[in-house]
Amino acid sequence: ALNEDIDDEVKAVLKDWLDNKEVGEGSRERADKVIKVLEEDNSEICKIILSDKEFLVKRSQWIFGGDGWAYDIGYGGLDHVLASNENINVLVFDTEV
């Protein structure tokens, strides 16, 4: 898209989004800015990007579970998820009675 014949402002906003797409903080604001400039541009590439605008905000991935599966060390459990270095949030409930 950056090589297409589109406005320089659109290119700058898209470049900023690409440079920061993995940063959660400010993701909503960057996505809103991208959507705003794309809606003001009538080029075909902008229309294509807008058709997937719901994917512009960085998603938060969560795993919820009880302490029973959290203790599943050595069986492909929580330790493998945490060791993967993926950006994921884990909430473990204390369900032991």
PDB file of N, CA and C in Angstrom:
ATOM      1  N   ALA A   1       0.827  -1.196   0.000  1.00  0.00           N
ATOM      2  CA  ALA A   1       0.000   0.000   0.000  1.00  0.00           C
ATOM      3  C   ALA A   1       0.866   1.252   0.000  1.00  0.00           C
ATOM      4  N   LEU A   2       2.059   1.169   0.594  1.00  0.00           N
ATOM      5  CA  LEU A   2       2.898   2.355   0.673  1.00  0.00           C
ATOM      6  C   LEU A   2       3.456   2.757  -0.684  1.00  0.00           C
ATOM      7  N   ASN A   3       3.439   1.867  -1.665  1.00  0.00           N
ATOM      8  CA  ASN A   3       3.922   2.192  -3.005  1.00  0.00           C
ATOM      9  C   ASN A   3       2.796   2.603  -3.941  1.00  0.00           C
ATOM     10  N   GLU A   4       1.557   2.504  -3.500  1.00  0.00           N
ATOM     11  CA  GLU A   4       0.410   2.881  -4.319  1.00  0.00           C
ATOM     12  C   GLU A   4       0.343   4.406  -4.449  1.00  0.00           C
ATOM     13  N   ASP A   5      -0.460   4.856  -5.400  1.00  0.00           N
ATOM     14  CA  ASP A   5      -0.650   6.287  -5.617  1.00  0.00           C
ATOM     15  C   ASP A   5      -1.723   6.795  -4.656  1.00  0.00           C
ATOM     16  N   ILE A   6      -1.349   6.929  -3.396  1.00  0.00           N
ATOM     17  CA  ILE A   6      -2.267   7.444  -2.385  1.00  0.00           C
ATOM     18  C   ILE A   6      -1.612   8.633  -1.691  1.00  0.00           C
ATOM     19  N   ASP A   7      -2.421   9.363  -0.969  1.00  0.00           N
ATOM     20  CA  ASP A   7      -1.992  10.573  -0.283  1.00  0.00           C
ATOM     21  C   ASP A   7      -0.843  10.295   0.691  1.00  0.00           C
ATOM     22  N   ASP A   8       0.078  11.255   0.810  1.00  0.00           N
ATOM     23  CA  ASP A   8       1.227  11.100   1.712  1.00  0.00           C
ATOM     24  C   ASP A   8       0.801  10.957   3.168  1.00  0.00           C
ATOM     25  N   GLU A   9      -0.283  11.634   3.554  1.00  0.00           N
ATOM     26  CA  GLU A   9      -0.776  11.508   4.932  1.00  0.00           C
ATOM     27  C   GLU A   9      -1.234  10.074   5.205  1.00  0.00           C
ATOM     28  N   VAL A  10      -1.915   9.480   4.239  1.00  0.00           N
ATOM     29  CA  VAL A  10      -2.367   8.092   4.384  1.00  0.00           C
ATOM     30  C   VAL A  10      -1.153   7.176   4.517  1.00  0.00           C
ATOM     31  N   LYS A  11      -0.145   7.396   3.700  1.00  0.00           N
ATOM     32  CA  LYS A  11       1.072   6.584   3.779  1.00  0.00           C
ATOM     33  C   LYS A  11       1.734   6.709   5.147  1.00  0.00           C
ATOM     34  N   ALA A  12       1.797   7.933   5.670  1.00  0.00           N
ATOM     35  CA  ALA A  12       2.436   8.158   6.970  1.00  0.00           C
ATOM     36  C   ALA A  12       1.667   7.463   8.088  1.00  0.00           C
ATOM     37  N   VAL A  13       0.352   7.540   8.045  1.00  0.00           N
ATOM     38  CA  VAL A  13      -0.471   6.902   9.077  1.00  0.00           C
ATOM     39  C   VAL A  13      -0.351   5.385   8.983  1.00  0.00           C
ATOM     40  N   LEU A  14      -0.356   4.842   7.774  1.00  0.00           N
ATOM     41  CA  LEU A  14      -0.199   3.396   7.600  1.00  0.00           C
ATOM     42  C   LEU A  14       1.183   2.930   8.051  1.00  0.00           C
ATOM     43  N   LYS A  15       2.211   3.717   7.765  1.00  0.00           N
ATOM     44  CA  LYS A  15       3.564   3.361   8.208  1.00  0.00           C
ATOM     45  C   LYS A  15       3.645   3.360   9.729  1.00  0.00           C
ATOM     46  N   ASP A  16       3.040   4.356  10.376  1.00  0.00           N
ATOM     47  CA  ASP A  16       3.026   4.407  11.841  1.00  0.00           C
ATOM     48  C   ASP A  16       2.322   3.175  12.400  1.00  0.00           C
ATOM     49  N   TRP A  17       1.194   2.785  11.781  1.00  0.00           N
ATOM     50  CA  TRP A  17       0.474   1.596  12.252  1.00  0.00           C
ATOM     51  C   TRP A  17       1.338   0.348  12.080  1.00  0.00           C
ATOM     52  N   LEU A  18       1.981   0.202  10.921  1.00  0.00           N
ATOM     53  CA  LEU A  18       2.836  -0.963  10.676  1.00  0.00           C
ATOM     54  C   LEU A  18       4.004  -1.030  11.658  1.00  0.00           C
ATOM     55  N   ASP A  19       4.603   0.118  11.938  1.00  0.00           N
ATOM     56  CA  ASP A  19       5.747   0.158  12.854  1.00  0.00           C
ATOM     57  C   ASP A  19       5.359  -0.192  14.288  1.00  0.00           C
ATOM     58  N   ASN A  20       4.082  -0.008  14.638  1.00  0.00           N
ATOM     59  CA  ASN A  20       3.636  -0.198  16.022  1.00  0.00           C
ATOM     60  C   ASN A  20       2.521  -1.225  16.176  1.00  0.00           C
ATOM     61  N   LYS A  21       2.314  -2.069  15.184  1.00  0.00           N
ATOM     62  CA  LYS A  21       1.165  -2.981  15.212  1.00  0.00           C
ATOM     63  C   LYS A  21       1.205  -3.986  16.355  1.00  0.00           C
ATOM     64  N   GLU A  22       2.384  -4.276  16.908  1.00  0.00           N
ATOM     65  CA  GLU A  22       2.497  -5.225  18.018  1.00  0.00           C
ATOM     66  C   GLU A  22       2.488  -4.547  19.386  1.00  0.00           C
ATOM     67  N   VAL A  23       2.358  -3.229  19.407  1.00  0.00           N
ATOM     68  CA  VAL A  23       2.342  -2.476  20.662  1.00  0.00           C
ATOM     69  C   VAL A  23       0.893  -2.267  21.078  1.00  0.00           C
ATOM     70  N   GLY A  24       0.526  -2.819  22.226  1.00  0.00           N
ATOM     71  CA  GLY A  24      -0.849  -2.713  22.694  1.00  0.00           C
ATOM     72  C   GLY A  24      -1.248  -1.304  23.086  1.00  0.00           C
ATOM     73  N   GLU A  25      -0.340  -0.601  23.771  1.00  0.00           N
ATOM     74  CA  GLU A  25      -0.645   0.748  24.225  1.00  0.00           C
ATOM     75  C   GLU A  25      -0.775   1.683  23.023  1.00  0.00           C
ATOM     76  N   GLY A  26      -1.899   2.353  22.909  1.00  0.00           N
ATOM     77  CA  GLY A  26      -2.144   3.265  21.800  1.00  0.00           C
ATOM     78  C   GLY A  26      -2.703   2.592  20.563  1.00  0.00           C
ATOM     79  N   SER A  27      -2.954   1.301  20.637  1.00  0.00           N
ATOM     80  CA  SER A  27      -3.446   0.555  19.476  1.00  0.00           C
ATOM     81  C   SER A  27      -4.791   1.085  18.985  1.00  0.00           C
ATOM     82  N   ARG A  28      -5.702   1.350  19.906  1.00  0.00           N
ATOM     83  CA  ARG A  28      -7.035   1.860  19.529  1.00  0.00           C
ATOM     84  C   ARG A  28      -6.907   3.213  18.831  1.00  0.00           C
ATOM     85  N   GLU A  29      -6.061   4.091  19.360  1.00  0.00           N
ATOM     86  CA  GLU A  29      -5.899   5.421  18.780  1.00  0.00           C
ATOM     87  C   GLU A  29      -5.297   5.337  17.377  1.00  0.00           C
ATOM     88  N   ARG A  30      -4.288   4.481  17.211  1.00  0.00           N
ATOM     89  CA  ARG A  30      -3.687   4.322  15.876  1.00  0.00           C
ATOM     90  C   ARG A  30      -4.702   3.752  14.889  1.00  0.00           C
ATOM     91  N   ALA A  31      -5.487   2.780  15.327  1.00  0.00           N
ATOM     92  CA  ALA A  31      -6.502   2.188  14.451  1.00  0.00           C
ATOM     93  C   ALA A  31      -7.544   3.227  14.057  1.00  0.00           C
ATOM     94  N   ASP A  32      -7.985   4.034  15.019  1.00  0.00           N
ATOM     95  CA  ASP A  32      -8.967   5.082  14.714  1.00  0.00           C
ATOM     96  C   ASP A  32      -8.414   6.080  13.701  1.00  0.00           C
ATOM     97  N   LYS A  33      -7.132   6.409  13.835  1.00  0.00           N
ATOM     98  CA  LYS A  33      -6.495   7.346  12.907  1.00  0.00           C
ATOM     99  C   LYS A  33      -6.417   6.733  11.508  1.00  0.00           C
ATOM    100  N   VAL A  34      -6.065   5.455  11.430  1.00  0.00           N
ATOM    101  CA  VAL A  34      -6.005   4.766  10.133  1.00  0.00           C
ATOM    102  C   VAL A  34      -7.382   4.762   9.479  1.00  0.00           C
ATOM    103  N   ILE A  35      -8.393   4.399  10.241  1.00  0.00           N
ATOM    104  CA  ILE A  35      -9.755   4.341   9.697  1.00  0.00           C
ATOM    105  C   ILE A  35     -10.191   5.708   9.188  1.00  0.00           C
ATOM    106  N   LYS A  36      -9.896   6.754   9.954  1.00  0.00           N
ATOM    107  CA  LYS A  36     -10.288   8.116   9.564  1.00  0.00           C
ATOM    108  C   LYS A  36      -9.666   8.517   8.228  1.00  0.00           C
ATOM    109  N   VAL A  37      -8.353   8.321   8.079  1.00  0.00           N
ATOM    110  CA  VAL A  37      -7.715   8.742   6.824  1.00  0.00           C
ATOM    111  C   VAL A  37      -8.113   7.844   5.656  1.00  0.00           C
ATOM    112  N   LEU A  38      -8.362   6.567   5.917  1.00  0.00           N
ATOM    113  CA  LEU A  38      -8.787   5.669   4.839  1.00  0.00           C
ATOM    114  C   LEU A  38     -10.178   6.024   4.340  1.00  0.00           C
ATOM    115  N   GLU A  39     -11.063   6.419   5.259  1.00  0.00           N
ATOM    116  CA  GLU A  39     -12.425   6.796   4.862  1.00  0.00           C
ATOM    117  C   GLU A  39     -12.440   8.073   4.033  1.00  0.00           C
ATOM    118  N   GLU A  40     -11.426   8.909   4.204  1.00  0.00           N
ATOM    119  CA  GLU A  40     -11.343  10.159   3.440  1.00  0.00           C
ATOM    120  C   GLU A  40     -10.697   9.959   2.069  1.00  0.00           C
ATOM    121  N   ASP A  41     -10.122   8.799   1.826  1.00  0.00           N
ATOM    122  CA  ASP A  41      -9.442   8.500   0.563  1.00  0.00           C
ATOM    123  C   ASP A  41     -10.313   7.537  -0.244  1.00  0.00           C
ATOM    124  N   ASN A  42     -10.457   7.793  -1.526  1.00  0.00           N
ATOM    125  CA  ASN A  42     -11.321   6.957  -2.365  1.00  0.00           C
ATOM    126  C   ASN A  42     -10.566   5.920  -3.183  1.00  0.00           C
ATOM    127  N   SER A  43      -9.282   5.726  -2.900  1.00  0.00           N
ATOM    128  CA  SER A  43      -8.521   4.759  -3.689  1.00  0.00           C
ATOM    129  C   SER A  43      -8.985   3.334  -3.382  1.00  0.00           C
ATOM    130  N   GLU A  44      -8.776   2.463  -4.335  1.00  0.00           N
ATOM    131  CA  GLU A  44      -9.212   1.073  -4.202  1.00  0.00           C
ATOM    132  C   GLU A  44      -8.504   0.367  -3.048  1.00  0.00           C
ATOM    133  N   ILE A  45      -7.202   0.620  -2.873  1.00  0.00           N
ATOM    134  CA  ILE A  45      -6.455  -0.046  -1.807  1.00  0.00           C
ATOM    135  C   ILE A  45      -6.982   0.372  -0.435  1.00  0.00           C
ATOM    136  N   CYS A  46      -7.379   1.629  -0.291  1.00  0.00           N
ATOM    137  CA  CYS A  46      -7.933   2.090   0.986  1.00  0.00           C
ATOM    138  C   CYS A  46      -9.264   1.401   1.280  1.00  0.00           C
ATOM    139  N   LYS A  47     -10.073   1.205   0.251  1.00  0.00           N
ATOM    140  CA  LYS A  47     -11.348   0.502   0.434  1.00  0.00           C
ATOM    141  C   LYS A  47     -11.112  -0.949   0.850  1.00  0.00           C
ATOM    142  N   ILE A  48     -10.095  -1.570   0.283  1.00  0.00           N
ATOM    143  CA  ILE A  48      -9.774  -2.962   0.628  1.00  0.00           C
ATOM    144  C   ILE A  48      -9.324  -3.061   2.083  1.00  0.00           C
ATOM    145  N   ILE A  49      -8.447  -2.147   2.499  1.00  0.00           N
ATOM    146  CA  ILE A  49      -7.979  -2.160   3.892  1.00  0.00           C
ATOM    147  C   ILE A  49      -9.144  -1.904   4.842  1.00  0.00           C
ATOM    148  N   LEU A  50     -10.018  -0.971   4.494  1.00  0.00           N
ATOM    149  CA  LEU A  50     -11.175  -0.661   5.343  1.00  0.00           C
ATOM    150  C   LEU A  50     -12.115  -1.851   5.510  1.00  0.00           C
ATOM    151  N   SER A  51     -12.156  -2.732   4.536  1.00  0.00           N
ATOM    152  CA  SER A  51     -13.046  -3.891   4.644  1.00  0.00           C
ATOM    153  C   SER A  51     -12.628  -4.825   5.778  1.00  0.00           C
ATOM    154  N   ASP A  52     -11.391  -4.695   6.257  1.00  0.00           N
ATOM    155  CA  ASP A  52     -10.904  -5.500   7.383  1.00  0.00           C
ATOM    156  C   ASP A  52     -10.526  -4.630   8.579  1.00  0.00           C
ATOM    157  N   LYS A  53     -11.201  -3.509   8.744  1.00  0.00           N
ATOM    158  CA  LYS A  53     -10.819  -2.549   9.780  1.00  0.00           C
ATOM    159  C   LYS A  53     -10.919  -3.098  11.199  1.00  0.00           C
ATOM    160  N   GLU A  54     -11.728  -4.130  11.413  1.00  0.00           N
ATOM    161  CA  GLU A  54     -11.851  -4.699  12.766  1.00  0.00           C
ATOM    162  C   GLU A  54     -10.560  -5.369  13.232  1.00  0.00           C
ATOM    163  N   PHE A  55      -9.634  -5.607  12.311  1.00  0.00           N
ATOM    164  CA  PHE A  55      -8.363  -6.240  12.668  1.00  0.00           C
ATOM    165  C   PHE A  55      -7.242  -5.232  12.929  1.00  0.00           C
ATOM    166  N   LEU A  56      -7.539  -3.949  12.875  1.00  0.00           N
ATOM    167  CA  LEU A  56      -6.512  -2.926  13.058  1.00  0.00           C
ATOM    168  C   LEU A  56      -6.118  -2.733  14.521  1.00  0.00           C
ATOM    169  N   VAL A  57      -7.003  -3.072  15.447  1.00  0.00           N
ATOM    170  CA  VAL A  57      -6.696  -2.948  16.878  1.00  0.00           C
ATOM    171  C   VAL A  57      -6.034  -4.235  17.339  1.00  0.00           C
ATOM    172  N   LYS A  58      -4.928  -4.102  18.061  1.00  0.00           N
ATOM    173  CA  LYS A  58      -4.230  -5.281  18.582  1.00  0.00           C
ATOM    174  C   LYS A  58      -5.134  -5.985  19.585  1.00  0.00           C
ATOM    175  N   ARG A  59      -5.330  -7.252  19.376  1.00  0.00           N
ATOM    176  CA  ARG A  59      -6.191  -8.054  20.245  1.00  0.00           C
ATOM    177  C   ARG A  59      -5.441  -8.519  21.476  1.00  0.00           C
ATOM    178  N   SER A  60      -6.184  -8.654  22.545  1.00  0.00           N
ATOM    179  CA  SER A  60      -5.645  -9.174  23.797  1.00  0.00           C
ATOM    180  C   SER A  60      -6.062 -10.635  23.912  1.00  0.00           C
ATOM    181  N   GLN A  61      -5.093 -11.529  24.060  1.00  0.00           N
ATOM    182  CA  GLN A  61      -5.359 -12.964  24.147  1.00  0.00           C
ATOM    183  C   GLN A  61      -5.293 -13.403  25.608  1.00  0.00           C
ATOM    184  N   TRP A  62      -6.324 -14.081  26.064  1.00  0.00           N
ATOM    185  CA  TRP A  62      -6.415 -14.512  27.462  1.00  0.00           C
ATOM    186  C   TRP A  62      -6.666 -16.007  27.560  1.00  0.00           C
ATOM    187  N   ILE A  63      -6.086 -16.611  28.594  1.00  0.00           N
ATOM    188  CA  ILE A  63      -6.376 -17.995  28.971  1.00  0.00           C
ATOM    189  C   ILE A  63      -6.851 -17.959  30.416  1.00  0.00           C
ATOM    190  N   PHE A  64      -8.020 -18.528  30.668  1.00  0.00           N
ATOM    191  CA  PHE A  64      -8.568 -18.621  32.018  1.00  0.00           C
ATOM    192  C   PHE A  64      -8.601 -20.084  32.422  1.00  0.00           C
ATOM    193  N   GLY A  65      -8.255 -20.369  33.657  1.00  0.00           N
ATOM    194  CA  GLY A  65      -8.323 -21.752  34.110  1.00  0.00           C
ATOM    195  C   GLY A  65      -8.144 -21.865  35.608  1.00  0.00           C
ATOM    196  N   GLY A  66      -8.388 -23.055  36.095  1.00  0.00           N
ATOM    197  CA  GLY A  66      -8.226 -23.334  37.515  1.00  0.00           C
ATOM    198  C   GLY A  66      -6.820 -23.785  37.829  1.00  0.00           C
ATOM    199  N   ASP A  67      -6.516 -23.850  39.124  1.00  0.00           N
ATOM    200  CA  ASP A  67      -5.166 -24.228  39.522  1.00  0.00           C
ATOM    201  C   ASP A  67      -4.857 -25.685  39.199  1.00  0.00           C
ATOM    202  N   GLY A  68      -5.860 -26.509  38.984  1.00  0.00           N
ATOM    203  CA  GLY A  68      -5.625 -27.908  38.626  1.00  0.00           C
ATOM    204  C   GLY A  68      -4.856 -28.045  37.328  1.00  0.00           C
ATOM    205  N   TRP A  69      -5.286 -27.359  36.270  1.00  0.00           N
ATOM    206  CA  TRP A  69      -4.545 -27.458  35.011  1.00  0.00           C
ATOM    207  C   TRP A  69      -3.277 -26.620  35.038  1.00  0.00           C
ATOM    208  N   ALA A  70      -3.226 -25.621  35.912  1.00  0.00           N
ATOM    209  CA  ALA A  70      -2.019 -24.801  36.000  1.00  0.00           C
ATOM    210  C   ALA A  70      -0.846 -25.602  36.559  1.00  0.00           C
ATOM    211  N   TYR A  71      -1.140 -26.648  37.345  1.00  0.00           N
ATOM    212  CA  TYR A  71      -0.090 -27.503  37.903  1.00  0.00           C
ATOM    213  C   TYR A  71       0.332 -28.604  36.939  1.00  0.00           C
ATOM    214  N   ASP A  72      -0.161 -28.578  35.732  1.00  0.00           N
ATOM    215  CA  ASP A  72       0.069 -29.627  34.744  1.00  0.00           C
ATOM    216  C   ASP A  72       1.460 -29.512  34.115  1.00  0.00           C
ATOM    217  N   ILE A  73       2.475 -29.241  34.906  1.00  0.00           N
ATOM    218  CA  ILE A  73       3.838 -29.074  34.408  1.00  0.00           C
ATOM    219  C   ILE A  73       4.340 -30.411  33.857  1.00  0.00           C
ATOM    220  N   GLY A  74       4.938 -30.350  32.660  1.00  0.00           N
ATOM    221  CA  GLY A  74       5.503 -31.551  32.056  1.00  0.00           C
ATOM    222  C   GLY A  74       4.549 -32.286  31.136  1.00  0.00           C
ATOM    223  N   TYR A  75       3.324 -31.858  31.045  1.00  0.00           N
ATOM    224  CA  TYR A  75       2.339 -32.535  30.192  1.00  0.00           C
ATOM    225  C   TYR A  75       1.811 -31.612  29.091  1.00  0.00           C
ATOM    226  N   GLY A  76       2.634 -30.712  28.628  1.00  0.00           N
ATOM    227  CA  GLY A  76       2.197 -29.803  27.561  1.00  0.00           C
ATOM    228  C   GLY A  76       1.231 -28.762  28.073  1.00  0.00           C
ATOM    229  N   GLY A  77       1.348 -28.404  29.326  1.00  0.00           N
ATOM    230  CA  GLY A  77       0.403 -27.483  29.949  1.00  0.00           C
ATOM    231  C   GLY A  77       0.861 -26.041  29.938  1.00  0.00           C
ATOM    232  N   LEU A  78       0.587 -25.404  31.029  1.00  0.00           N
ATOM    233  CA  LEU A  78       0.824 -23.977  31.161  1.00  0.00           C
ATOM    234  C   LEU A  78       2.288 -23.594  30.965  1.00  0.00           C
ATOM    235  N   ASP A  79       3.201 -24.442  31.379  1.00  0.00           N
ATOM    236  CA  ASP A  79       4.625 -24.117  31.242  1.00  0.00           C
ATOM    237  C   ASP A  79       5.019 -23.924  29.784  1.00  0.00           C
ATOM    238  N   HIS A  80       4.427 -24.687  28.879  1.00  0.00           N
ATOM    239  CA  HIS A  80       4.740 -24.546  27.457  1.00  0.00           C
ATOM    240  C   HIS A  80       4.169 -23.252  26.885  1.00  0.00           C
ATOM    241  N   VAL A  81       2.999 -22.889  27.351  1.00  0.00           N
ATOM    242  CA  VAL A  81       2.397 -21.636  26.896  1.00  0.00           C
ATOM    243  C   VAL A  81       3.268 -20.461  27.327  1.00  0.00           C
ATOM    244  N   LEU A  82       3.675 -20.457  28.587  1.00  0.00           N
ATOM    245  CA  LEU A  82       4.487 -19.356  29.097  1.00  0.00           C
ATOM    246  C   LEU A  82       5.872 -19.328  28.464  1.00  0.00           C
ATOM    247  N   ALA A  83       6.427 -20.481  28.146  1.00  0.00           N
ATOM    248  CA  ALA A  83       7.757 -20.551  27.537  1.00  0.00           C
ATOM    249  C   ALA A  83       7.744 -20.176  26.057  1.00  0.00           C
ATOM    250  N   SER A  84       6.573 -20.058  25.462  1.00  0.00           N
ATOM    251  CA  SER A  84       6.482 -19.767  24.031  1.00  0.00           C
ATOM    252  C   SER A  84       6.849 -18.327  23.684  1.00  0.00           C
ATOM    253  N   ASN A  85       6.926 -17.466  24.683  1.00  0.00           N
ATOM    254  CA  ASN A  85       7.223 -16.042  24.485  1.00  0.00           C
ATOM    255  C   ASN A  85       6.174 -15.325  23.644  1.00  0.00           C
ATOM    256  N   GLU A  86       4.988 -15.892  23.553  1.00  0.00           N
ATOM    257  CA  GLU A  86       3.886 -15.221  22.876  1.00  0.00           C
ATOM    258  C   GLU A  86       3.277 -14.195  23.829  1.00  0.00           C
ATOM    259  N   ASN A  87       2.665 -13.173  23.261  1.00  0.00           N
ATOM    260  CA  ASN A  87       2.023 -12.141  24.065  1.00  0.00           C
ATOM    261  C   ASN A  87       0.639 -12.635  24.465  1.00  0.00           C
ATOM    262  N   ILE A  88       0.561 -13.255  25.628  1.00  0.00           N
ATOM    263  CA  ILE A  88      -0.688 -13.859  26.089  1.00  0.00           C
ATOM    264  C   ILE A  88      -0.837 -13.608  27.579  1.00  0.00           C
ATOM    265  N   ASN A  89      -2.062 -13.425  28.015  1.00  0.00           N
ATOM    266  CA  ASN A  89      -2.366 -13.189  29.421  1.00  0.00           C
ATOM    267  C   ASN A  89      -2.969 -14.453  30.006  1.00  0.00           C
ATOM    268  N   VAL A  90      -2.594 -14.775  31.240  1.00  0.00           N
ATOM    269  CA  VAL A  90      -3.087 -15.981  31.903  1.00  0.00           C
ATOM    270  C   VAL A  90      -3.673 -15.582  33.248  1.00  0.00           C
ATOM    271  N   LEU A  91      -4.894 -16.046  33.512  1.00  0.00           N
ATOM    272  CA  LEU A  91      -5.532 -15.832  34.806  1.00  0.00           C
ATOM    273  C   LEU A  91      -5.853 -17.199  35.389  1.00  0.00           C
ATOM    274  N   VAL A  92      -5.228 -17.508  36.529  1.00  0.00           N
ATOM    275  CA  VAL A  92      -5.421 -18.799  37.183  1.00  0.00           C
ATOM    276  C   VAL A  92      -6.272 -18.583  38.428  1.00  0.00           C
ATOM    277  N   PHE A  93      -7.382 -19.300  38.495  1.00  0.00           N
ATOM    278  CA  PHE A  93      -8.275 -19.231  39.647  1.00  0.00           C
ATOM    279  C   PHE A  93      -7.861 -20.269  40.679  1.00  0.00           C
ATOM    280  N   ASP A  94      -7.931 -19.897  41.939  1.00  0.00           N
ATOM    281  CA  ASP A  94      -7.668 -20.835  43.025  1.00  0.00           C
ATOM    282  C   ASP A  94      -8.956 -21.616  43.272  1.00  0.00           C
ATOM    283  N   THR A  95      -9.018 -22.819  42.699  1.00  0.00           N
ATOM    284  CA  THR A  95     -10.231 -23.636  42.815  1.00  0.00           C
ATOM    285  C   THR A  95     -10.044 -24.805  43.757  1.00  0.00           C
ATOM    286  N   GLU A  96      -8.859 -24.899  44.382  1.00  0.00           N
ATOM    287  CA  GLU A  96      -8.588 -26.008  45.295  1.00  0.00           C
ATOM    288  C   GLU A  96      -9.469 -25.861  46.531  1.00  0.00           C
ATOM    289  N   VAL A  97     -10.100 -26.961  46.904  1.00  0.00           N
ATOM    290  CA  VAL A  97     -11.014 -26.929  48.055  1.00  0.00           C
ATOM    291  C   VAL A  97     -10.307 -27.401  49.297  1.00  0.00           C
TER     292      VAL A  97
END
